[in-house]
Amino acid sequence: MTLHMVEMHLDAKALLDMLRRKNLLRDDDEDLGYGVHAWLREAFGSIAPQPWRLWAAQGRPLRLLGYSHHPAEELRQALREFASPSLAAVVPDPEHNIQSKILPKWEKGRRLGFEVLTVPLGRKSSSRVEKDAYLMALDRGQPSSRDEVYRAWLLRQMGQGVRIYRLELAGFRLLKTYRRRHGPANGKPTFHRLTRPQALFRGELEVADPISFENLLAKGVGRHKAFGYGMLLLRPPRS
């Protein structure tokens, strides 16, 4: 199937108003990923872009980039025909604020720069609970640095479709976020707090297998791709 890059510009006030009415947002949440995920799924259903990434600049509309097998016109049509008014208000001018382009077919041996925002997590074998990959390495008695652990984690996630020639951990922070619990107590929604590592990687790769590479773009890297992580952004390599 043809893979598209989708770009959307969102009205931040309309998005936040809608999320608050639906009790999907806390004021002290440091991440909009859960709320944007909820909006995408309600507004577009099964054709919502994923993976995706969100950029927020003060005083400007929110900007979302994502990958999808559905072009902009299908997304606009879904919004016009099926979205409720509060969902549609998040993109008040879909003709101009939902755009897409077909991604090229990358040939074997093509060298590309890349950037990807991730949450480097693993699952504990006993409980299957998610945990910071760095803390899991410490639990195993592996005294590596956070940088080393995260870079090794990313190499495993990238798979066999690429060869990595340069890789750097370009940004890191511990992010406080909330998730709404299923089955609210006493009829009121409740939230549980999560603290997760957020790691930004930059580097250069070579396409080793074009089909596997396209699948990697469409699938995304790592966990929580529905919440704004794992979109592999491409750029020209260093000269």
C-alpha atoms as a PDB file:
ATOM      1  CA  MET A   1       0.000   0.000   0.000  1.00  0.00           C
ATOM      2  CA  THR A   2       1.103   3.558  -0.701  1.00  0.00           C
ATOM      3  CA  LEU A   3       2.476   5.346   2.349  1.00  0.00           C
ATOM      4  CA  HIS A   4       1.691   9.053   2.837  1.00  0.00           C
ATOM      5  CA  MET A   5       3.096  11.720   5.103  1.00  0.00           C
ATOM      6  CA  VAL A   6       0.177  13.674   6.585  1.00  0.00           C
ATOM      7  CA  GLU A   7       0.432  17.191   8.015  1.00  0.00           C
ATOM      8  CA  MET A   8      -2.292  18.747  10.171  1.00  0.00           C
ATOM      9  CA  HIS A   9      -2.548  22.130  11.882  1.00  0.00           C
ATOM     10  CA  LEU A  10      -4.757  21.972  14.974  1.00  0.00           C
ATOM     11  CA  ASP A  11      -6.581  24.678  16.893  1.00  0.00           C
ATOM     12  CA  ALA A  12      -5.110  24.310  20.386  1.00  0.00           C
ATOM     13  CA  LYS A  13      -8.012  26.003  22.202  1.00  0.00           C
ATOM     14  CA  ALA A  14     -10.623  23.823  20.479  1.00  0.00           C
ATOM     15  CA  LEU A  15      -8.605  20.700  21.248  1.00  0.00           C
ATOM     16  CA  LEU A  16      -8.136  21.551  24.941  1.00  0.00           C
ATOM     17  CA  ASP A  17     -11.790  22.560  25.355  1.00  0.00           C
ATOM     18  CA  MET A  18     -12.939  19.273  23.837  1.00  0.00           C
ATOM     19  CA  LEU A  19     -10.562  17.209  25.996  1.00  0.00           C
ATOM     20  CA  ARG A  20     -11.636  18.969  29.199  1.00  0.00           C
ATOM     21  CA  ARG A  21     -15.322  18.425  28.429  1.00  0.00           C
ATOM     22  CA  LYS A  22     -14.596  14.719  27.974  1.00  0.00           C
ATOM     23  CA  ASN A  23     -12.451  14.587  31.154  1.00  0.00           C
ATOM     24  CA  LEU A  24      -9.433  13.443  29.147  1.00  0.00           C
ATOM     25  CA  LEU A  25      -6.967  16.070  30.357  1.00  0.00           C
ATOM     26  CA  ARG A  26      -5.479  17.251  33.632  1.00  0.00           C
ATOM     27  CA  ASP A  27      -4.021  20.738  33.903  1.00  0.00           C
ATOM     28  CA  ASP A  28      -0.708  19.418  35.266  1.00  0.00           C
ATOM     29  CA  ASP A  29      -0.216  16.861  32.487  1.00  0.00           C
ATOM     30  CA  GLU A  30       3.099  17.542  30.711  1.00  0.00           C
ATOM     31  CA  ASP A  31       2.124  15.625  27.587  1.00  0.00           C
ATOM     32  CA  LEU A  32      -0.730  16.051  25.100  1.00  0.00           C
ATOM     33  CA  GLY A  33      -0.137  12.634  23.572  1.00  0.00           C
ATOM     34  CA  TYR A  34      -3.050  10.878  25.271  1.00  0.00           C
ATOM     35  CA  GLY A  35      -5.485  13.668  24.374  1.00  0.00           C
ATOM     36  CA  VAL A  36      -4.388  13.915  20.744  1.00  0.00           C
ATOM     37  CA  HIS A  37      -4.612  10.127  20.465  1.00  0.00           C
ATOM     38  CA  ALA A  38      -8.209  10.260  21.749  1.00  0.00           C
ATOM     39  CA  TRP A  39      -9.087  13.032  19.276  1.00  0.00           C
ATOM     40  CA  LEU A  40      -7.507  11.224  16.312  1.00  0.00           C
ATOM     41  CA  ARG A  41      -9.361   7.994  17.057  1.00  0.00           C
ATOM     42  CA  GLU A  42     -12.723   9.701  17.524  1.00  0.00           C
ATOM     43  CA  ALA A  43     -12.315  12.008  14.531  1.00  0.00           C
ATOM     44  CA  PHE A  44     -10.846   9.553  11.998  1.00  0.00           C
ATOM     45  CA  GLY A  45     -11.403   6.055  13.371  1.00  0.00           C
ATOM     46  CA  SER A  46      -9.290   3.313  11.815  1.00  0.00           C
ATOM     47  CA  ILE A  47      -7.725   5.623   9.195  1.00  0.00           C
ATOM     48  CA  ALA A  48      -6.113   7.950  11.781  1.00  0.00           C
ATOM     49  CA  PRO A  49      -2.389   8.540  11.120  1.00  0.00           C
ATOM     50  CA  GLN A  50       0.029   6.449  13.172  1.00  0.00           C
ATOM     51  CA  PRO A  51       2.834   6.865  14.062  1.00  0.00           C
ATOM     52  CA  TRP A  52       2.715  10.642  14.501  1.00  0.00           C
ATOM     53  CA  ARG A  53       4.483  13.480  16.270  1.00  0.00           C
ATOM     54  CA  LEU A  54       3.207  16.800  17.629  1.00  0.00           C
ATOM     55  CA  TRP A  55       4.945  20.183  17.762  1.00  0.00           C
ATOM     56  CA  ALA A  56       3.683  22.999  19.996  1.00  0.00           C
ATOM     57  CA  ALA A  57       4.949  26.587  19.727  1.00  0.00           C
ATOM     58  CA  GLN A  58       3.431  29.321  21.882  1.00  0.00           C
ATOM     59  CA  GLY A  59       0.977  31.492  19.965  1.00  0.00           C
ATOM     60  CA  ARG A  60       0.911  29.190  16.929  1.00  0.00           C
ATOM     61  CA  PRO A  61      -1.361  26.290  15.911  1.00  0.00           C
ATOM     62  CA  LEU A  62      -0.313  22.811  16.951  1.00  0.00           C
ATOM     63  CA  ARG A  63       1.423  20.967  14.116  1.00  0.00           C
ATOM     64  CA  LEU A  64       1.073  17.222  13.665  1.00  0.00           C
ATOM     65  CA  LEU A  65       3.008  15.048  11.233  1.00  0.00           C
ATOM     66  CA  GLY A  66       2.167  11.395  10.762  1.00  0.00           C
ATOM     67  CA  TYR A  67       2.337   8.453   8.400  1.00  0.00           C
ATOM     68  CA  SER A  68      -0.780   6.883   6.936  1.00  0.00           C
ATOM     69  CA  HIS A  69      -1.895   4.664   4.088  1.00  0.00           C
ATOM     70  CA  HIS A  70      -4.768   7.126   3.580  1.00  0.00           C
ATOM     71  CA  PRO A  71      -4.303  10.476   1.782  1.00  0.00           C
ATOM     72  CA  ALA A  72      -5.492  13.861   2.994  1.00  0.00           C
ATOM     73  CA  GLU A  73      -8.758  13.758   1.030  1.00  0.00           C
ATOM     74  CA  GLU A  74      -9.896  10.579   2.818  1.00  0.00           C
ATOM     75  CA  LEU A  75      -9.113  12.174   6.184  1.00  0.00           C
ATOM     76  CA  ARG A  76     -10.975  15.373   5.267  1.00  0.00           C
ATOM     77  CA  GLN A  77     -13.965  13.324   4.120  1.00  0.00           C
ATOM     78  CA  ALA A  78     -14.075  11.367   7.381  1.00  0.00           C
ATOM     79  CA  LEU A  79     -13.962  14.621   9.362  1.00  0.00           C
ATOM     80  CA  ARG A  80     -16.726  16.232   7.289  1.00  0.00           C
ATOM     81  CA  GLU A  81     -19.047  13.243   7.281  1.00  0.00           C
ATOM     82  CA  PHE A  82     -18.694  11.595  10.679  1.00  0.00           C
ATOM     83  CA  ALA A  83     -16.958  13.837  13.243  1.00  0.00           C
ATOM     84  CA  SER A  84     -19.046  15.634  15.869  1.00  0.00           C
ATOM     85  CA  PRO A  85     -18.877  19.460  15.866  1.00  0.00           C
ATOM     86  CA  SER A  86     -16.442  19.589  18.777  1.00  0.00           C
ATOM     87  CA  LEU A  87     -14.115  17.110  17.048  1.00  0.00           C
ATOM     88  CA  ALA A  88     -14.317  18.920  13.717  1.00  0.00           C
ATOM     89  CA  ALA A  89     -13.595  22.277  15.385  1.00  0.00           C
ATOM     90  CA  VAL A  90     -10.043  21.111  16.128  1.00  0.00           C
ATOM     91  CA  VAL A  91      -9.342  21.470  12.377  1.00  0.00           C
ATOM     92  CA  PRO A  92     -11.700  24.303  11.369  1.00  0.00           C
ATOM     93  CA  ASP A  93     -10.358  24.555   7.779  1.00  0.00           C
ATOM     94  CA  PRO A  94      -9.515  20.986   6.722  1.00  0.00           C
ATOM     95  CA  GLU A  95      -8.989  21.912   3.056  1.00  0.00           C
ATOM     96  CA  HIS A  96      -5.949  23.958   4.031  1.00  0.00           C
ATOM     97  CA  ASN A  97      -4.983  22.377   7.360  1.00  0.00           C
ATOM     98  CA  ILE A  98      -4.906  18.696   6.376  1.00  0.00           C
ATOM     99  CA  GLN A  99      -2.365  17.997   3.650  1.00  0.00           C
ATOM    100  CA  SER A 100      -0.451  14.915   2.519  1.00  0.00           C
ATOM    101  CA  LYS A 101       2.175  13.706   0.084  1.00  0.00           C
ATOM    102  CA  ILE A 102       3.187  10.271  -1.171  1.00  0.00           C
ATOM    103  CA  LEU A 103       6.498   9.108   0.282  1.00  0.00           C
ATOM    104  CA  PRO A 104       9.164   8.013  -2.206  1.00  0.00           C
ATOM    105  CA  LYS A 105      10.379   4.434  -2.510  1.00  0.00           C
ATOM    106  CA  TRP A 106      13.817   4.413  -0.925  1.00  0.00           C
ATOM    107  CA  GLU A 107      16.368   2.315  -2.793  1.00  0.00           C
ATOM    108  CA  LYS A 108      18.815  -0.110  -1.194  1.00  0.00           C
ATOM    109  CA  GLY A 109      22.010   1.683  -0.202  1.00  0.00           C
ATOM    110  CA  ARG A 110      20.380   5.110   0.137  1.00  0.00           C
ATOM    111  CA  ARG A 111      21.972   7.125   2.950  1.00  0.00           C
ATOM    112  CA  LEU A 112      19.562   9.241   5.039  1.00  0.00           C
ATOM    113  CA  GLY A 113      19.629  11.372   8.148  1.00  0.00           C
ATOM    114  CA  PHE A 114      16.921  10.678  10.705  1.00  0.00           C
ATOM    115  CA  GLU A 115      15.327  11.869  13.924  1.00  0.00           C
ATOM    116  CA  VAL A 116      12.932   9.994  16.204  1.00  0.00           C
ATOM    117  CA  LEU A 117      11.262  10.795  19.541  1.00  0.00           C
ATOM    118  CA  THR A 118      10.830   7.687  21.696  1.00  0.00           C
ATOM    119  CA  VAL A 119       9.964   6.287  25.102  1.00  0.00           C
ATOM    120  CA  PRO A 120      12.726   3.708  25.759  1.00  0.00           C
ATOM    121  CA  LEU A 121      10.820   1.124  27.786  1.00  0.00           C
ATOM    122  CA  GLY A 122      10.983  -2.612  28.266  1.00  0.00           C
ATOM    123  CA  ARG A 123       8.745  -5.121  30.036  1.00  0.00           C
ATOM    124  CA  LYS A 124       9.768  -6.990  33.155  1.00  0.00           C
ATOM    125  CA  SER A 125       9.626 -10.732  32.411  1.00  0.00           C
ATOM    126  CA  SER A 126       7.894 -11.594  35.681  1.00  0.00           C
ATOM    127  CA  SER A 127       5.081  -9.039  35.780  1.00  0.00           C
ATOM    128  CA  ARG A 128       5.079  -7.687  32.178  1.00  0.00           C
ATOM    129  CA  VAL A 129       5.015  -4.200  33.712  1.00  0.00           C
ATOM    130  CA  GLU A 130       6.723  -1.508  31.629  1.00  0.00           C
ATOM    131  CA  LYS A 131       9.921  -0.014  33.000  1.00  0.00           C
ATOM    132  CA  ASP A 132      12.599   2.435  31.878  1.00  0.00           C
ATOM    133  CA  ALA A 133      15.164   0.469  29.829  1.00  0.00           C
ATOM    134  CA  TYR A 134      17.991   2.141  31.783  1.00  0.00           C
ATOM    135  CA  LEU A 135      16.563   1.076  35.151  1.00  0.00           C
ATOM    136  CA  MET A 136      16.091  -2.446  33.821  1.00  0.00           C
ATOM    137  CA  ALA A 137      19.787  -2.521  32.859  1.00  0.00           C
ATOM    138  CA  LEU A 138      20.699  -1.460  36.402  1.00  0.00           C
ATOM    139  CA  ASP A 139      18.456  -4.196  37.805  1.00  0.00           C
ATOM    140  CA  ARG A 140      20.434  -6.723  35.751  1.00  0.00           C
ATOM    141  CA  GLY A 141      23.695  -5.397  37.181  1.00  0.00           C
ATOM    142  CA  GLN A 142      24.809  -3.795  33.915  1.00  0.00           C
ATOM    143  CA  PRO A 143      26.493  -0.506  34.970  1.00  0.00           C
ATOM    144  CA  SER A 144      26.215   1.233  31.598  1.00  0.00           C
ATOM    145  CA  SER A 145      25.405   4.912  31.150  1.00  0.00           C
ATOM    146  CA  ARG A 146      21.899   6.009  30.236  1.00  0.00           C
ATOM    147  CA  ASP A 147      23.227   7.103  26.829  1.00  0.00           C
ATOM    148  CA  GLU A 148      24.699   3.646  26.112  1.00  0.00           C
ATOM    149  CA  VAL A 149      21.574   1.795  27.241  1.00  0.00           C
ATOM    150  CA  TYR A 150      19.234   3.945  25.202  1.00  0.00           C
ATOM    151  CA  ARG A 151      21.357   3.770  22.044  1.00  0.00           C
ATOM    152  CA  ALA A 152      21.505  -0.029  22.318  1.00  0.00           C
ATOM    153  CA  TRP A 153      17.726  -0.086  22.866  1.00  0.00           C
ATOM    154  CA  LEU A 154      17.135   1.971  19.706  1.00  0.00           C
ATOM    155  CA  LEU A 155      19.382  -0.246  17.585  1.00  0.00           C
ATOM    156  CA  ARG A 156      17.261  -3.240  18.598  1.00  0.00           C
ATOM    157  CA  GLN A 157      14.061  -1.401  17.707  1.00  0.00           C
ATOM    158  CA  MET A 158      15.268  -0.371  14.241  1.00  0.00           C
ATOM    159  CA  GLY A 159      15.624  -3.959  13.046  1.00  0.00           C
ATOM    160  CA  GLN A 160      17.365  -5.425  10.005  1.00  0.00           C
ATOM    161  CA  GLY A 161      16.029  -3.047   7.355  1.00  0.00           C
ATOM    162  CA  VAL A 162      18.683  -0.396   8.072  1.00  0.00           C
ATOM    163  CA  ARG A 163      22.367  -0.001   8.929  1.00  0.00           C
ATOM    164  CA  ILE A 164      23.097   2.747  11.448  1.00  0.00           C
ATOM    165  CA  TYR A 165      26.225   4.805  10.778  1.00  0.00           C
ATOM    166  CA  ARG A 166      25.796   7.578  13.310  1.00  0.00           C
ATOM    167  CA  LEU A 167      23.585   7.757  16.385  1.00  0.00           C
ATOM    168  CA  GLU A 168      23.344  10.277  19.214  1.00  0.00           C
ATOM    169  CA  LEU A 169      21.014  10.780  22.133  1.00  0.00           C
ATOM    170  CA  ALA A 170      20.093  14.392  21.351  1.00  0.00           C
ATOM    171  CA  GLY A 171      17.624  14.970  24.181  1.00  0.00           C
ATOM    172  CA  PHE A 172      16.282  13.330  27.324  1.00  0.00           C
ATOM    173  CA  ARG A 173      13.786  14.125  30.078  1.00  0.00           C
ATOM    174  CA  LEU A 174      11.522  12.349  32.535  1.00  0.00           C
ATOM    175  CA  LEU A 175       7.951  13.188  31.567  1.00  0.00           C
ATOM    176  CA  LYS A 176       5.026  13.304  33.990  1.00  0.00           C
ATOM    177  CA  THR A 177       1.766  12.308  32.378  1.00  0.00           C
ATOM    178  CA  TYR A 178      -1.610  10.847  33.313  1.00  0.00           C
ATOM    179  CA  ARG A 179      -3.836   8.137  31.893  1.00  0.00           C
ATOM    180  CA  ARG A 180      -7.531   7.829  32.579  1.00  0.00           C
ATOM    181  CA  ARG A 181      -8.451   4.656  34.439  1.00  0.00           C
ATOM    182  CA  HIS A 182     -11.052   2.335  32.989  1.00  0.00           C
ATOM    183  CA  GLY A 183     -14.208   1.964  35.049  1.00  0.00           C
ATOM    184  CA  PRO A 184     -14.322   5.302  36.954  1.00  0.00           C
ATOM    185  CA  ALA A 185     -15.012   5.029  40.663  1.00  0.00           C
ATOM    186  CA  ASN A 186     -18.359   6.438  41.919  1.00  0.00           C
ATOM    187  CA  GLY A 187     -19.193   7.664  38.426  1.00  0.00           C
ATOM    188  CA  LYS A 188     -16.236  10.077  38.355  1.00  0.00           C
ATOM    189  CA  PRO A 189     -13.214   9.665  36.077  1.00  0.00           C
ATOM    190  CA  THR A 190      -9.948   8.897  37.829  1.00  0.00           C
ATOM    191  CA  PHE A 191      -6.394   9.128  36.550  1.00  0.00           C
ATOM    192  CA  HIS A 192      -3.152   7.388  37.372  1.00  0.00           C
ATOM    193  CA  ARG A 193       0.157   9.214  37.154  1.00  0.00           C
ATOM    194  CA  LEU A 194       3.026   7.882  35.053  1.00  0.00           C
ATOM    195  CA  THR A 195       6.626   9.060  34.834  1.00  0.00           C
ATOM    196  CA  ARG A 196       8.275   7.945  31.623  1.00  0.00           C
ATOM    197  CA  PRO A 197      11.620   8.545  29.937  1.00  0.00           C
ATOM    198  CA  GLN A 198      11.463  10.566  26.732  1.00  0.00           C
ATOM    199  CA  ALA A 199      14.493  10.250  24.450  1.00  0.00           C
ATOM    200  CA  LEU A 200      15.197  12.107  21.203  1.00  0.00           C
ATOM    201  CA  PHE A 201      17.648  10.430  18.816  1.00  0.00           C
ATOM    202  CA  ARG A 202      19.381  11.786  15.716  1.00  0.00           C
ATOM    203  CA  GLY A 203      21.684   9.976  13.346  1.00  0.00           C
ATOM    204  CA  GLU A 204      22.319   8.591   9.887  1.00  0.00           C
ATOM    205  CA  LEU A 205      21.267   5.293   8.367  1.00  0.00           C
ATOM    206  CA  GLU A 206      21.583   3.313   5.161  1.00  0.00           C
ATOM    207  CA  VAL A 207      18.627   1.444   3.683  1.00  0.00           C
ATOM    208  CA  ALA A 208      19.554  -2.259   3.742  1.00  0.00           C
ATOM    209  CA  ASP A 209      16.151  -3.678   2.728  1.00  0.00           C
ATOM    210  CA  PRO A 210      13.668  -1.254   1.084  1.00  0.00           C
ATOM    211  CA  ILE A 211      10.576  -3.300   2.002  1.00  0.00           C
ATOM    212  CA  SER A 212      11.600  -3.669   5.646  1.00  0.00           C
ATOM    213  CA  PHE A 213      12.473   0.025   5.764  1.00  0.00           C
ATOM    214  CA  GLU A 214       9.050   1.086   4.475  1.00  0.00           C
ATOM    215  CA  ASN A 215       7.445  -1.227   7.033  1.00  0.00           C
ATOM    216  CA  LEU A 216       9.542   0.441   9.747  1.00  0.00           C
ATOM    217  CA  LEU A 217       8.305   3.883   8.665  1.00  0.00           C
ATOM    218  CA  ALA A 218       4.680   2.695   8.645  1.00  0.00           C
ATOM    219  CA  LYS A 219       4.932   0.821  11.958  1.00  0.00           C
ATOM    220  CA  GLY A 220       7.114   3.254  13.903  1.00  0.00           C
ATOM    221  CA  VAL A 221       9.876   2.713  16.452  1.00  0.00           C
ATOM    222  CA  GLY A 222       9.407   1.416  19.985  1.00  0.00           C
ATOM    223  CA  ARG A 223       6.358   1.612  22.240  1.00  0.00           C
ATOM    224  CA  HIS A 224       3.427   4.021  22.579  1.00  0.00           C
ATOM    225  CA  LYS A 225       3.305   4.943  18.899  1.00  0.00           C
ATOM    226  CA  ALA A 226      -0.386   5.807  19.284  1.00  0.00           C
ATOM    227  CA  PHE A 227       0.588   8.563  21.732  1.00  0.00           C
ATOM    228  CA  GLY A 228       3.012  10.600  19.619  1.00  0.00           C
ATOM    229  CA  TYR A 229       6.209   8.529  19.699  1.00  0.00           C
ATOM    230  CA  GLY A 230       8.183   6.481  17.204  1.00  0.00           C
ATOM    231  CA  MET A 231       7.724   8.492  13.987  1.00  0.00           C
ATOM    232  CA  LEU A 232      10.958   8.205  12.007  1.00  0.00           C
ATOM    233  CA  LEU A 233      11.569  11.597  10.383  1.00  0.00           C
ATOM    234  CA  LEU A 234      13.989  11.646   7.458  1.00  0.00           C
ATOM    235  CA  ARG A 235      16.340  14.354   6.244  1.00  0.00           C
ATOM    236  CA  PRO A 236      19.374  14.660   3.946  1.00  0.00           C
ATOM    237  CA  PRO A 237      22.565  13.139   5.379  1.00  0.00           C
ATOM    238  CA  ARG A 238      25.514  15.282   6.344  1.00  0.00           C
ATOM    239  CA  SER A 239      27.527  16.295   3.312  1.00  0.00           C
END
